PDB file of N, CA and C in Angstrom:
ATOM      1  N   MET A   1       0.984  -1.417  -0.426  1.00  0.00           N
ATOM      2  CA  MET A   1      -0.108  -0.082   0.165  1.00  0.00           C
ATOM      3  C   MET A   1       0.710   1.051  -0.351  1.00  0.00           C
ATOM      4  N   SER A   2       0.842   1.924  -1.003  1.00  0.00           N
ATOM      5  CA  SER A   2       1.457   3.474  -1.215  1.00  0.00           C
ATOM      6  C   SER A   2       1.367   4.355   0.161  1.00  0.00           C
ATOM      7  N   LYS A   3       2.375   4.774   0.628  1.00  0.00           N
ATOM      8  CA  LYS A   3       1.772   6.040   1.971  1.00  0.00           C
ATOM      9  C   LYS A   3       2.464   6.865   1.103  1.00  0.00           C
ATOM     10  N   GLU A   4       2.173   8.337   1.846  1.00  0.00           N
ATOM     11  CA  GLU A   4       2.683   9.627   1.860  1.00  0.00           C
ATOM     12  C   GLU A   4       3.902   9.927   2.235  1.00  0.00           C
ATOM     13  N   LEU A   5       5.101  10.450   1.460  1.00  0.00           N
ATOM     14  CA  LEU A   5       6.049  11.162   2.344  1.00  0.00           C
ATOM     15  C   LEU A   5       5.784  12.779   2.081  1.00  0.00           C
ATOM     16  N   SER A   6       6.145  13.400   3.235  1.00  0.00           N
ATOM     17  CA  SER A   6       6.468  15.096   2.704  1.00  0.00           C
ATOM     18  C   SER A   6       7.328  15.331   3.166  1.00  0.00           C
ATOM     19  N   ILE A   7       8.266  15.990   2.451  1.00  0.00           N
ATOM     20  CA  ILE A   7       9.722  16.417   2.727  1.00  0.00           C
ATOM     21  C   ILE A   7       9.100  18.229   2.410  1.00  0.00           C
ATOM     22  N   VAL A   8       9.712  18.911   3.167  1.00  0.00           N
ATOM     23  CA  VAL A   8       9.306  20.386   3.632  1.00  0.00           C
ATOM     24  C   VAL A   8      10.653  21.133   3.633  1.00  0.00           C
ATOM     25  N   ALA A   9      11.548  22.074   3.323  1.00  0.00           N
ATOM     26  CA  ALA A   9      12.685  22.189   3.357  1.00  0.00           C
ATOM     27  C   ALA A   9      12.390  23.681   4.250  1.00  0.00           C
ATOM     28  N   LEU A  10      12.767  23.954   5.101  1.00  0.00           N
ATOM     29  CA  LEU A  10      12.208  25.138   6.086  1.00  0.00           C
ATOM     30  C   LEU A  10      13.007  26.269   5.578  1.00  0.00           C
ATOM     31  N   GLY A  11      12.589  27.320   5.828  1.00  0.00           N
ATOM     32  CA  GLY A  11      13.294  28.822   5.031  1.00  0.00           C
ATOM     33  C   GLY A  11      13.394  28.532   3.405  1.00  0.00           C
ATOM     34  N   HIS A  12      12.770  28.367   2.944  1.00  0.00           N
ATOM     35  CA  HIS A  12      12.948  27.573   1.467  1.00  0.00           C
ATOM     36  C   HIS A  12      11.904  27.994   0.527  1.00  0.00           C
ATOM     37  N   GLN A  13      10.948  28.580   1.401  1.00  0.00           N
ATOM     38  CA  GLN A  13       9.986  29.386   0.455  1.00  0.00           C
ATOM     39  C   GLN A  13      10.313  30.144  -0.781  1.00  0.00           C
ATOM     40  N   GLU A  14      11.031  30.844  -0.039  1.00  0.00           N
ATOM     41  CA  GLU A  14      11.164  32.142  -0.973  1.00  0.00           C
ATOM     42  C   GLU A  14      11.842  31.637  -2.043  1.00  0.00           C
ATOM     43  N   ALA A  15      13.183  30.691  -1.919  1.00  0.00           N
ATOM     44  CA  ALA A  15      14.076  30.301  -3.016  1.00  0.00           C
ATOM     45  C   ALA A  15      13.020  29.505  -3.643  1.00  0.00           C
ATOM     46  N   ALA A  16      12.079  28.750  -3.177  1.00  0.00           N
ATOM     47  CA  ALA A  16      11.234  28.120  -4.163  1.00  0.00           C
ATOM     48  C   ALA A  16      10.577  29.163  -5.053  1.00  0.00           C
ATOM     49  N   ALA A  17      10.031  30.146  -4.410  1.00  0.00           N
ATOM     50  CA  ALA A  17       9.058  31.048  -5.445  1.00  0.00           C
ATOM     51  C   ALA A  17       9.959  31.882  -6.364  1.00  0.00           C
ATOM     52  N   THR A  18      11.344  31.932  -6.162  1.00  0.00           N
ATOM     53  CA  THR A  18      12.212  32.669  -6.901  1.00  0.00           C
ATOM     54  C   THR A  18      13.155  31.950  -8.421  1.00  0.00           C
ATOM     55  N   GLN A  19      12.837  30.989  -7.424  1.00  0.00           N
ATOM     56  CA  GLN A  19      14.305  29.696  -8.223  1.00  0.00           C
ATOM     57  C   GLN A  19      13.410  28.234  -7.979  1.00  0.00           C
ATOM     58  N   PRO A  20      12.374  28.142  -8.614  1.00  0.00           N
ATOM     59  CA  PRO A  20      11.732  26.862  -8.771  1.00  0.00           C
ATOM     60  C   PRO A  20      12.475  25.369  -9.043  1.00  0.00           C
ATOM     61  N   TRP A  21      13.743  25.672  -9.854  1.00  0.00           N
ATOM     62  CA  TRP A  21      14.328  24.825 -10.333  1.00  0.00           C
ATOM     63  C   TRP A  21      14.811  23.830  -9.782  1.00  0.00           C
ATOM     64  N   GLN A  22      15.272  24.823  -7.958  1.00  0.00           N
ATOM     65  CA  GLN A  22      16.089  23.983  -7.101  1.00  0.00           C
ATOM     66  C   GLN A  22      15.552  22.841  -6.384  1.00  0.00           C
ATOM     67  N   LEU A  23      14.102  22.900  -6.190  1.00  0.00           N
ATOM     68  CA  LEU A  23      13.032  22.203  -5.965  1.00  0.00           C
ATOM     69  C   LEU A  23      13.107  21.326  -6.690  1.00  0.00           C
ATOM     70  N   GLU A  24      12.716  21.474  -8.324  1.00  0.00           N
ATOM     71  CA  GLU A  24      12.255  20.773  -9.154  1.00  0.00           C
ATOM     72  C   GLU A  24      13.572  19.775  -9.248  1.00  0.00           C
ATOM     73  N   ALA A  25      14.994  20.218  -8.945  1.00  0.00           N
ATOM     74  CA  ALA A  25      16.264  19.358  -9.011  1.00  0.00           C
ATOM     75  C   ALA A  25      15.688  18.081  -7.964  1.00  0.00           C
ATOM     76  N   LEU A  26      15.002  18.677  -6.583  1.00  0.00           N
ATOM     77  CA  LEU A  26      14.911  17.158  -5.722  1.00  0.00           C
ATOM     78  C   LEU A  26      13.975  16.211  -6.005  1.00  0.00           C
ATOM     79  N   ARG A  27      13.049  17.474  -6.833  1.00  0.00           N
ATOM     80  CA  ARG A  27      12.061  16.058  -7.183  1.00  0.00           C
ATOM     81  C   ARG A  27      12.710  15.286  -8.496  1.00  0.00           C
ATOM     82  N   GLU A  28      13.232  15.622  -8.971  1.00  0.00           N
ATOM     83  CA  GLU A  28      13.526  14.861 -10.370  1.00  0.00           C
ATOM     84  C   GLU A  28      14.899  13.859  -9.916  1.00  0.00           C
ATOM     85  N   ASP A  29      15.390  14.210  -8.505  1.00  0.00           N
ATOM     86  CA  ASP A  29      16.957  12.874  -8.484  1.00  0.00           C
ATOM     87  C   ASP A  29      15.351  12.007  -7.543  1.00  0.00           C
ATOM     88  N   LEU A  30      14.298  12.302  -6.812  1.00  0.00           N
ATOM     89  CA  LEU A  30      13.444  11.304  -6.334  1.00  0.00           C
ATOM     90  C   LEU A  30      12.704  10.790  -7.197  1.00  0.00           C
ATOM     91  N   LEU A  31      12.369  10.903  -8.603  1.00  0.00           N
ATOM     92  CA  LEU A  31      11.926   9.987  -9.653  1.00  0.00           C
ATOM     93  C   LEU A  31      12.515   9.345  -9.882  1.00  0.00           C
ATOM     94  N   ALA A  32      14.149   9.108  -9.837  1.00  0.00           N
ATOM     95  CA  ALA A  32      15.134   7.900  -9.799  1.00  0.00           C
ATOM     96  C   ALA A  32      15.006   6.890  -9.082  1.00  0.00           C
ATOM     97  N   PHE A  33      14.143   6.917  -8.146  1.00  0.00           N
ATOM     98  CA  PHE A  33      13.693   6.069  -7.004  1.00  0.00           C
ATOM     99  C   PHE A  33      12.452   5.272  -7.593  1.00  0.00           C
ATOM    100  N   ASP A  34      12.289   4.518  -6.893  1.00  0.00           N
ATOM    101  CA  ASP A  34      10.934   3.466  -7.421  1.00  0.00           C
ATOM    102  C   ASP A  34      10.193   3.822  -6.632  1.00  0.00           C
ATOM    103  N   VAL A  35       9.874   5.143  -7.086  1.00  0.00           N
ATOM    104  CA  VAL A  35       7.875   5.592  -6.215  1.00  0.00           C
ATOM    105  C   VAL A  35       7.320   5.930  -6.872  1.00  0.00           C
ATOM    106  N   ASP A  36       5.937   6.049  -6.325  1.00  0.00           N
ATOM    107  CA  ASP A  36       4.963   6.209  -7.515  1.00  0.00           C
ATOM    108  C   ASP A  36       4.466   7.383  -7.925  1.00  0.00           C
ATOM    109  N   ARG A  37       4.743   8.554  -7.459  1.00  0.00           N
ATOM    110  CA  ARG A  37       4.748   9.964  -7.671  1.00  0.00           C
ATOM    111  C   ARG A  37       5.532  10.709  -6.728  1.00  0.00           C
ATOM    112  N   VAL A  38       6.009  11.874  -7.507  1.00  0.00           N
ATOM    113  CA  VAL A  38       6.239  12.924  -6.481  1.00  0.00           C
ATOM    114  C   VAL A  38       5.877  14.435  -7.016  1.00  0.00           C
ATOM    115  N   GLY A  39       5.295  15.021  -6.360  1.00  0.00           N
ATOM    116  CA  GLY A  39       4.973  16.437  -6.565  1.00  0.00           C
ATOM    117  C   GLY A  39       4.737  17.281  -5.610  1.00  0.00           C
ATOM    118  N   PRO A  40       3.793  18.772  -5.968  1.00  0.00           N
ATOM    119  CA  PRO A  40       3.734  19.379  -5.146  1.00  0.00           C
ATOM    120  C   PRO A  40       3.061  19.209  -3.877  1.00  0.00           C
ATOM    121  N   MET A  41       3.005  19.257  -2.771  1.00  0.00           N
ATOM    122  CA  MET A  41       2.606  18.895  -1.645  1.00  0.00           C
ATOM    123  C   MET A  41       1.285  20.507  -1.635  1.00  0.00           C
ATOM    124  N   GLU A  42       0.142  19.960  -0.993  1.00  0.00           N
ATOM    125  CA  GLU A  42      -0.814  20.874  -1.458  1.00  0.00           C
ATOM    126  C   GLU A  42      -1.115  21.370   0.344  1.00  0.00           C
ATOM    127  N   ALA A  43      -0.953  22.817  -0.088  1.00  0.00           N
ATOM    128  CA  ALA A  43      -0.800  23.422   1.463  1.00  0.00           C
ATOM    129  C   ALA A  43      -2.548  24.075   2.461  1.00  0.00           C
ATOM    130  N   GLY A  44      -3.605  23.263   1.120  1.00  0.00           N
ATOM    131  CA  GLY A  44      -5.369  24.041   1.549  1.00  0.00           C
ATOM    132  C   GLY A  44      -5.562  23.931   0.446  1.00  0.00           C
ATOM    133  N   ALA A  45      -6.911  24.282   0.944  1.00  0.00           N
ATOM    134  CA  ALA A  45      -8.050  25.349  -0.136  1.00  0.00           C
ATOM    135  C   ALA A  45      -7.025  26.860  -0.579  1.00  0.00           C
ATOM    136  N   ALA A  46      -7.822  27.126  -1.664  1.00  0.00           N
ATOM    137  CA  ALA A  46      -6.950  28.145  -2.374  1.00  0.00           C
ATOM    138  C   ALA A  46      -7.992  29.473  -2.250  1.00  0.00           C
ATOM    139  N   PRO A  47      -7.607  30.817  -2.252  1.00  0.00           N
ATOM    140  CA  PRO A  47      -8.249  31.847  -1.659  1.00  0.00           C
ATOM    141  C   PRO A  47      -9.596  32.205  -2.586  1.00  0.00           C
ATOM    142  N   PRO A  48     -10.743  32.553  -1.811  1.00  0.00           N
ATOM    143  CA  PRO A  48     -11.822  32.502  -3.066  1.00  0.00           C
ATOM    144  C   PRO A  48     -11.282  33.658  -4.440  1.00  0.00           C
ATOM    145  N   ASN A  49     -12.193  33.415  -5.377  1.00  0.00           N
ATOM    146  CA  ASN A  49     -12.058  33.763  -6.883  1.00  0.00           C
ATOM    147  C   ASN A  49     -10.826  33.565  -7.223  1.00  0.00           C
ATOM    148  N   SER A  50      -9.889  32.557  -6.514  1.00  0.00           N
ATOM    149  CA  SER A  50      -9.063  32.298  -7.652  1.00  0.00           C
ATOM    150  C   SER A  50      -9.140  30.874  -8.291  1.00  0.00           C
ATOM    151  N   ARG A  51      -8.071  30.806  -9.659  1.00  0.00           N
ATOM    152  CA  ARG A  51      -8.159  29.793 -10.261  1.00  0.00           C
ATOM    153  C   ARG A  51      -8.191  28.324 -10.039  1.00  0.00           C
ATOM    154  N   SER A  52      -7.449  28.195  -9.038  1.00  0.00           N
ATOM    155  CA  SER A  52      -7.189  27.009  -8.793  1.00  0.00           C
ATOM    156  C   SER A  52      -8.026  26.603  -7.542  1.00  0.00           C
ATOM    157  N   GLY A  53      -7.983  25.361  -7.191  1.00  0.00           N
ATOM    158  CA  GLY A  53      -8.988  24.647  -5.529  1.00  0.00           C
ATOM    159  C   GLY A  53      -8.309  24.548  -4.492  1.00  0.00           C
ATOM    160  N   LEU A  54      -6.877  24.290  -5.258  1.00  0.00           N
ATOM    161  CA  LEU A  54      -5.792  24.286  -3.846  1.00  0.00           C
ATOM    162  C   LEU A  54      -4.477  24.848  -4.091  1.00  0.00           C
ATOM    163  N   VAL A  55      -3.942  24.999  -3.281  1.00  0.00           N
ATOM    164  CA  VAL A  55      -2.903  25.813  -2.911  1.00  0.00           C
ATOM    165  C   VAL A  55      -1.542  25.027  -2.918  1.00  0.00           C
ATOM    166  N   GLU A  56      -0.019  24.958  -3.475  1.00  0.00           N
ATOM    167  CA  GLU A  56       0.509  23.867  -3.300  1.00  0.00           C
ATOM    168  C   GLU A  56       1.690  25.023  -2.425  1.00  0.00           C
ATOM    169  N   ALA A  57       2.212  24.104  -1.262  1.00  0.00           N
ATOM    170  CA  ALA A  57       3.200  24.523  -0.230  1.00  0.00           C
ATOM    171  C   ALA A  57       4.295  24.831  -0.900  1.00  0.00           C
ATOM    172  N   LEU A  58       5.164  25.941  -0.937  1.00  0.00           N
ATOM    173  CA  LEU A  58       6.661  26.443  -1.614  1.00  0.00           C
ATOM    174  C   LEU A  58       7.219  25.657  -0.573  1.00  0.00           C
ATOM    175  N   GLY A  59       8.167  25.038  -1.389  1.00  0.00           N
ATOM    176  CA  GLY A  59       9.564  24.519  -0.782  1.00  0.00           C
ATOM    177  C   GLY A  59       9.209  22.893  -0.066  1.00  0.00           C
ATOM    178  N   ALA A  60       7.843  22.482  -0.687  1.00  0.00           N
ATOM    179  CA  ALA A  60       7.477  21.213  -0.248  1.00  0.00           C
ATOM    180  C   ALA A  60       7.052  20.047  -1.307  1.00  0.00           C
ATOM    181  N   LEU A  61       7.669  18.855  -0.999  1.00  0.00           N
ATOM    182  CA  LEU A  61       7.349  17.775  -2.002  1.00  0.00           C
ATOM    183  C   LEU A  61       6.393  16.778  -1.066  1.00  0.00           C
ATOM    184  N   ALA A  62       5.251  15.967  -1.654  1.00  0.00           N
ATOM    185  CA  ALA A  62       4.479  15.031  -1.532  1.00  0.00           C
ATOM    186  C   ALA A  62       4.915  13.880  -2.284  1.00  0.00           C
ATOM    187  N   VAL A  63       5.774  12.380  -1.770  1.00  0.00           N
ATOM    188  CA  VAL A  63       5.924  11.470  -2.304  1.00  0.00           C
ATOM    189  C   VAL A  63       5.563  10.204  -1.861  1.00  0.00           C
ATOM    190  N   ALA A  64       4.106   9.839  -3.162  1.00  0.00           N
ATOM    191  CA  ALA A  64       3.652   8.713  -2.871  1.00  0.00           C
ATOM    192  C   ALA A  64       5.258   7.104  -3.422  1.00  0.00           C
ATOM    193  N   LEU A  65       4.529   6.326  -2.371  1.00  0.00           N
ATOM    194  CA  LEU A  65       5.795   5.563  -2.313  1.00  0.00           C
ATOM    195  C   LEU A  65       5.479   4.243  -1.202  1.00  0.00           C
ATOM    196  N   GLN A  66       6.129   3.212  -1.609  1.00  0.00           N
ATOM    197  CA  GLN A  66       5.768   1.889  -0.710  1.00  0.00           C
ATOM    198  C   GLN A  66       7.080   1.523   0.115  1.00  0.00           C
ATOM    199  N   PRO A  67       6.654   2.384   1.500  1.00  0.00           N
ATOM    200  CA  PRO A  67       7.741   2.249   2.234  1.00  0.00           C
ATOM    201  C   PRO A  67       8.907   1.454   2.419  1.00  0.00           C
ATOM    202  N   SER A  68      10.627   1.145   2.342  1.00  0.00           N
ATOM    203  CA  SER A  68      10.772   0.037   2.579  1.00  0.00           C
ATOM    204  C   SER A  68      12.397   1.077   3.112  1.00  0.00           C
ATOM    205  N   LEU A  69      12.980  -0.082   3.540  1.00  0.00           N
ATOM    206  CA  LEU A  69      14.296   0.701   4.435  1.00  0.00           C
ATOM    207  C   LEU A  69      15.223   1.344   3.507  1.00  0.00           C
ATOM    208  N   PRO A  70      15.371   0.153   2.428  1.00  0.00           N
ATOM    209  CA  PRO A  70      16.404   0.773   1.340  1.00  0.00           C
ATOM    210  C   PRO A  70      15.874   2.024   0.357  1.00  0.00           C
ATOM    211  N   LEU A  71      14.770   1.766   0.389  1.00  0.00           N
ATOM    212  CA  LEU A  71      14.243   2.980  -0.224  1.00  0.00           C
ATOM    213  C   LEU A  71      14.088   3.988   0.197  1.00  0.00           C
ATOM    214  N   LEU A  72      13.436   4.196   1.164  1.00  0.00           N
ATOM    215  CA  LEU A  72      13.657   5.584   2.690  1.00  0.00           C
ATOM    216  C   LEU A  72      15.203   5.413   2.905  1.00  0.00           C
ATOM    217  N   GLU A  73      16.123   4.979   2.853  1.00  0.00           N
ATOM    218  CA  GLU A  73      17.434   5.291   2.658  1.00  0.00           C
ATOM    219  C   GLU A  73      17.879   6.460   1.841  1.00  0.00           C
ATOM    220  N   GLY A  74      17.759   5.551   0.678  1.00  0.00           N
ATOM    221  CA  GLY A  74      18.246   6.522  -0.192  1.00  0.00           C
ATOM    222  C   GLY A  74      17.234   7.251  -0.473  1.00  0.00           C
ATOM    223  N   VAL A  75      16.101   7.874  -0.131  1.00  0.00           N
ATOM    224  CA  VAL A  75      15.497   9.448   0.013  1.00  0.00           C
ATOM    225  C   VAL A  75      16.152  10.393   0.721  1.00  0.00           C
ATOM    226  N   VAL A  76      16.532   9.476   1.945  1.00  0.00           N
ATOM    227  CA  VAL A  76      17.101  10.672   3.345  1.00  0.00           C
ATOM    228  C   VAL A  76      19.023  11.194   2.129  1.00  0.00           C
ATOM    229  N   ALA A  77      19.658   9.836   1.463  1.00  0.00           N
ATOM    230  CA  ALA A  77      20.670  10.371   1.045  1.00  0.00           C
ATOM    231  C   ALA A  77      20.202  11.400  -0.241  1.00  0.00           C
ATOM    232  N   VAL A  78      19.272  11.466  -0.786  1.00  0.00           N
ATOM    233  CA  VAL A  78      19.132  12.073  -1.913  1.00  0.00           C
ATOM    234  C   VAL A  78      19.078  13.368  -1.158  1.00  0.00           C
ATOM    235  N   VAL A  79      18.144  13.458  -0.418  1.00  0.00           N
ATOM    236  CA  VAL A  79      17.806  14.839   0.096  1.00  0.00           C
ATOM    237  C   VAL A  79      18.812  15.480   1.165  1.00  0.00           C
ATOM    238  N   ARG A  80      19.892  14.766   1.681  1.00  0.00           N
ATOM    239  CA  ARG A  80      20.768  15.229   2.280  1.00  0.00           C
ATOM    240  C   ARG A  80      22.144  15.780   0.899  1.00  0.00           C
ATOM    241  N   ASP A  81      22.259  15.107   0.139  1.00  0.00           N
ATOM    242  CA  ASP A  81      22.748  15.292  -1.034  1.00  0.00           C
ATOM    243  C   ASP A  81      22.373  16.818  -1.478  1.00  0.00           C
ATOM    244  N   TRP A  82      20.737  16.971  -1.805  1.00  0.00           N
ATOM    245  CA  TRP A  82      20.203  17.976  -2.200  1.00  0.00           C
ATOM    246  C   TRP A  82      20.360  19.035  -1.395  1.00  0.00           C
ATOM    247  N   MET A  83      20.257  19.115  -0.124  1.00  0.00           N
ATOM    248  CA  MET A  83      20.620  20.218   0.944  1.00  0.00           C
ATOM    249  C   MET A  83      22.086  20.798   0.597  1.00  0.00           C
ATOM    250  N   ALA A  84      22.951  20.056   0.489  1.00  0.00           N
ATOM    251  CA  ALA A  84      24.575  20.405   0.329  1.00  0.00           C
ATOM    252  C   ALA A  84      24.404  20.949  -1.125  1.00  0.00           C
ATOM    253  N   ARG A  85      23.874  20.565  -1.974  1.00  0.00           N
ATOM    254  CA  ARG A  85      23.871  21.599  -3.072  1.00  0.00           C
ATOM    255  C   ARG A  85      23.532  22.828  -3.247  1.00  0.00           C
ATOM    256  N   THR A  86      21.801  22.855  -2.127  1.00  0.00           N
ATOM    257  CA  THR A  86      21.375  24.256  -2.510  1.00  0.00           C
ATOM    258  C   THR A  86      21.807  24.892  -1.660  1.00  0.00           C
ATOM    259  N   GLY A  87      22.005  24.537   0.099  1.00  0.00           N
ATOM    260  CA  GLY A  87      22.433  25.282   0.829  1.00  0.00           C
ATOM    261  C   GLY A  87      21.325  25.084   1.575  1.00  0.00           C
ATOM    262  N   SER A  88      20.470  24.375   1.632  1.00  0.00           N
ATOM    263  CA  SER A  88      18.948  24.614   2.726  1.00  0.00           C
ATOM    264  C   SER A  88      20.004  23.973   4.009  1.00  0.00           C
ATOM    265  N   ARG A  89      19.046  24.319   5.374  1.00  0.00           N
ATOM    266  CA  ARG A  89      19.482  24.247   6.459  1.00  0.00           C
ATOM    267  C   ARG A  89      18.699  22.997   7.309  1.00  0.00           C
ATOM    268  N   THR A  90      17.421  23.256   7.094  1.00  0.00           N
ATOM    269  CA  THR A  90      16.554  22.177   7.637  1.00  0.00           C
ATOM    270  C   THR A  90      15.493  21.648   6.978  1.00  0.00           C
ATOM    271  N   VAL A  91      15.433  20.337   6.536  1.00  0.00           N
ATOM    272  CA  VAL A  91      14.388  19.761   5.713  1.00  0.00           C
ATOM    273  C   VAL A  91      13.710  18.751   6.804  1.00  0.00           C
ATOM    274  N   VAL A  92      12.186  18.551   6.596  1.00  0.00           N
ATOM    275  CA  VAL A  92      11.333  17.745   7.351  1.00  0.00           C
ATOM    276  C   VAL A  92      10.997  16.552   6.528  1.00  0.00           C
ATOM    277  N   LEU A  93      11.223  15.716   7.070  1.00  0.00           N
ATOM    278  CA  LEU A  93      10.450  14.174   6.068  1.00  0.00           C
ATOM    279  C   LEU A  93       9.335  13.624   7.096  1.00  0.00           C
ATOM    280  N   GLU A  94       8.171  13.712   6.849  1.00  0.00           N
ATOM    281  CA  GLU A  94       7.472  12.808   7.760  1.00  0.00           C
ATOM    282  C   GLU A  94       6.443  12.255   6.898  1.00  0.00           C
ATOM    283  N   ILE A  95       6.647  10.730   7.687  1.00  0.00           N
ATOM    284  CA  ILE A  95       5.104   9.794   7.166  1.00  0.00           C
ATOM    285  C   ILE A  95       4.682   9.319   7.688  1.00  0.00           C
ATOM    286  N   ASP A  96       3.184   8.789   8.464  1.00  0.00           N
ATOM    287  CA  ASP A  96       2.667   8.425   9.334  1.00  0.00           C
ATOM    288  C   ASP A  96       2.690   9.187  10.413  1.00  0.00           C
ATOM    289  N   GLY A  97       2.796  10.331  10.617  1.00  0.00           N
ATOM    290  CA  GLY A  97       2.845  11.239  11.770  1.00  0.00           C
ATOM    291  C   GLY A  97       4.815  11.121  12.663  1.00  0.00           C
ATOM    292  N   HIS A  98       5.492  10.277  11.762  1.00  0.00           N
ATOM    293  CA  HIS A  98       6.552   9.799  12.094  1.00  0.00           C
ATOM    294  C   HIS A  98       7.696  11.158  11.426  1.00  0.00           C
ATOM    295  N   ARG A  99       8.184  12.118  12.603  1.00  0.00           N
ATOM    296  CA  ARG A  99       8.771  13.355  11.935  1.00  0.00           C
ATOM    297  C   ARG A  99      10.259  13.105  11.891  1.00  0.00           C
ATOM    298  N   LEU A 100      11.286  13.555  11.035  1.00  0.00           N
ATOM    299  CA  LEU A 100      12.743  13.048  10.919  1.00  0.00           C
ATOM    300  C   LEU A 100      13.469  14.714  10.496  1.00  0.00           C
ATOM    301  N   GLU A 101      13.961  15.516  11.337  1.00  0.00           N
ATOM    302  CA  GLU A 101      14.176  16.729  10.894  1.00  0.00           C
ATOM    303  C   GLU A 101      15.723  16.703  10.729  1.00  0.00           C
ATOM    304  N   LEU A 102      15.934  17.084   9.210  1.00  0.00           N
ATOM    305  CA  LEU A 102      17.789  17.093   8.731  1.00  0.00           C
ATOM    306  C   LEU A 102      18.280  18.176   9.104  1.00  0.00           C
ATOM    307  N   THR A 103      19.176  18.255   9.660  1.00  0.00           N
ATOM    308  CA  THR A 103      19.898  19.526   9.310  1.00  0.00           C
ATOM    309  C   THR A 103      21.146  19.740   8.723  1.00  0.00           C
ATOM    310  N   GLY A 104      22.005  21.066   7.914  1.00  0.00           N
ATOM    311  CA  GLY A 104      22.996  20.568   7.026  1.00  0.00           C
ATOM    312  C   GLY A 104      24.148  19.995   8.066  1.00  0.00           C
ATOM    313  N   VAL A 105      24.234  19.452   9.090  1.00  0.00           N
ATOM    314  CA  VAL A 105      25.487  19.411   9.926  1.00  0.00           C
ATOM    315  C   VAL A 105      25.076  17.606   9.900  1.00  0.00           C
ATOM    316  N   ASP A 106      26.235  17.681   9.680  1.00  0.00           N
ATOM    317  CA  ASP A 106      27.012  15.800   9.307  1.00  0.00           C
ATOM    318  C   ASP A 106      27.196  15.452  10.973  1.00  0.00           C
ATOM    319  N   SER A 107      26.508  15.082  11.628  1.00  0.00           N
ATOM    320  CA  SER A 107      26.754  14.415  12.773  1.00  0.00           C
ATOM    321  C   SER A 107      26.258  13.152  13.305  1.00  0.00           C
ATOM    322  N   ALA A 108      27.503  12.418  14.227  1.00  0.00           N
ATOM    323  CA  ALA A 108      26.736  11.209  14.769  1.00  0.00           C
ATOM    324  C   ALA A 108      25.631  11.027  15.096  1.00  0.00           C
ATOM    325  N   ASP A 109      25.450  12.013  15.786  1.00  0.00           N
ATOM    326  CA  ASP A 109      24.101  12.215  16.607  1.00  0.00           C
ATOM    327  C   ASP A 109      22.632  12.253  15.670  1.00  0.00           C
ATOM    328  N   GLN A 110      22.824  12.851  14.310  1.00  0.00           N
ATOM    329  CA  GLN A 110      21.711  13.068  13.301  1.00  0.00           C
ATOM    330  C   GLN A 110      21.950  11.566  12.585  1.00  0.00           C
ATOM    331  N   ARG A 111      23.055  11.319  12.253  1.00  0.00           N
ATOM    332  CA  ARG A 111      22.577   9.867  11.837  1.00  0.00           C
ATOM    333  C   ARG A 111      22.259   8.789  12.656  1.00  0.00           C
ATOM    334  N   ARG A 112      22.287   9.047  13.973  1.00  0.00           N
ATOM    335  CA  ARG A 112      21.809   8.088  14.627  1.00  0.00           C
ATOM    336  C   ARG A 112      19.974   8.066  14.658  1.00  0.00           C
ATOM    337  N   LEU A 113      19.999   9.308  14.453  1.00  0.00           N
ATOM    338  CA  LEU A 113      18.127   9.712  14.548  1.00  0.00           C
ATOM    339  C   LEU A 113      17.651   9.372  13.279  1.00  0.00           C
ATOM    340  N   ALA A 114      18.411   9.445  12.269  1.00  0.00           N
ATOM    341  CA  ALA A 114      18.131   9.237  11.335  1.00  0.00           C
ATOM    342  C   ALA A 114      17.983   7.826  11.091  1.00  0.00           C
ATOM    343  N   ASP A 115      18.644   6.770  11.800  1.00  0.00           N
ATOM    344  CA  ASP A 115      18.720   5.297  11.680  1.00  0.00           C
ATOM    345  C   ASP A 115      17.262   4.912  12.507  1.00  0.00           C
ATOM    346  N   GLU A 116      17.375   5.719  13.459  1.00  0.00           N
ATOM    347  CA  GLU A 116      16.345   5.406  14.520  1.00  0.00           C
ATOM    348  C   GLU A 116      14.527   5.471  13.517  1.00  0.00           C
ATOM    349  N   TRP A 117      14.621   6.750  13.081  1.00  0.00           N
ATOM    350  CA  TRP A 117      13.457   7.064  12.376  1.00  0.00           C
ATOM    351  C   TRP A 117      13.278   5.859  11.150  1.00  0.00           C
ATOM    352  N   LEU A 118      14.153   5.425  10.167  1.00  0.00           N
ATOM    353  CA  LEU A 118      13.811   4.701   9.035  1.00  0.00           C
ATOM    354  C   LEU A 118      13.731   3.175   9.893  1.00  0.00           C
ATOM    355  N   ALA A 119      14.160   2.859  10.847  1.00  0.00           N
ATOM    356  CA  ALA A 119      13.869   1.497  11.717  1.00  0.00           C
ATOM    357  C   ALA A 119      12.323   1.659  11.999  1.00  0.00           C
ATOM    358  N   LEU A 120      11.865   2.879  12.366  1.00  0.00           N
ATOM    359  CA  LEU A 120      10.141   3.028  12.881  1.00  0.00           C
ATOM    360  C   LEU A 120       9.111   2.895  11.852  1.00  0.00           C
ATOM    361  N   VAL A 121      10.082   3.746  10.540  1.00  0.00           N
ATOM    362  CA  VAL A 121       8.824   4.266   9.507  1.00  0.00           C
ATOM    363  C   VAL A 121       8.872   2.305   9.045  1.00  0.00           C
ATOM    364  N   THR A 122       9.708   1.723   8.687  1.00  0.00           N
ATOM    365  CA  THR A 122       9.525   0.627   8.073  1.00  0.00           C
ATOM    366  C   THR A 122       9.608  -0.693   9.052  1.00  0.00           C
ATOM    367  N   ALA A 123       9.330  -0.511  10.095  1.00  0.00           N
ATOM    368  CA  ALA A 123       9.099  -1.551  11.167  1.00  0.00           C
ATOM    369  C   ALA A 123       7.644  -1.741  10.986  1.00  0.00           C
ATOM    370  N   GLU A 124       6.791  -0.988  10.889  1.00  0.00           N
ATOM    371  CA  GLU A 124       5.349  -0.807  10.959  1.00  0.00           C
ATOM    372  C   GLU A 124       4.690  -1.245   9.844  1.00  0.00           C
ATOM    373  N   ARG A 125       5.805  -1.605   8.587  1.00  0.00           N
ATOM    374  CA  ARG A 125       5.089  -1.819   7.230  1.00  0.00           C
ATOM    375  C   ARG A 125       5.844  -3.661   7.006  1.00  0.00           C
ATOM    376  N   SER A 126       6.075  -4.081   8.423  1.00  0.00           N
ATOM    377  CA  SER A 126       6.687  -5.759   8.449  1.00  0.00           C
ATOM    378  C   SER A 126       5.539  -6.526   8.756  1.00  0.00           C
TER     379      SER A 126
END
């Protein structure tokens, strides 16, 4: 069963508005994996009298996937690589209410937290 993983680049909203190619690069990288879909995350209802029924969240992607440890490990690695390339400081990944906050700092504590998050979200699938 496909689940939705949200990826939100905190503080990236202005860059997403002026340089949408940065988030598009992350989307393209994620599409290289065995995912069902990668697209903009919806932020809710659009304002009255607007053309669209939904508003897209700037700096955010929704990824539909079949969660597995290898796939999610790859997604975390791609997000970290994208953060390094774009200078994004914080990215939040969330699936089924389980949240992982990645920062630009590559520390043992952050790797441990990422490993615990991966174990938690994939254990529920077994």
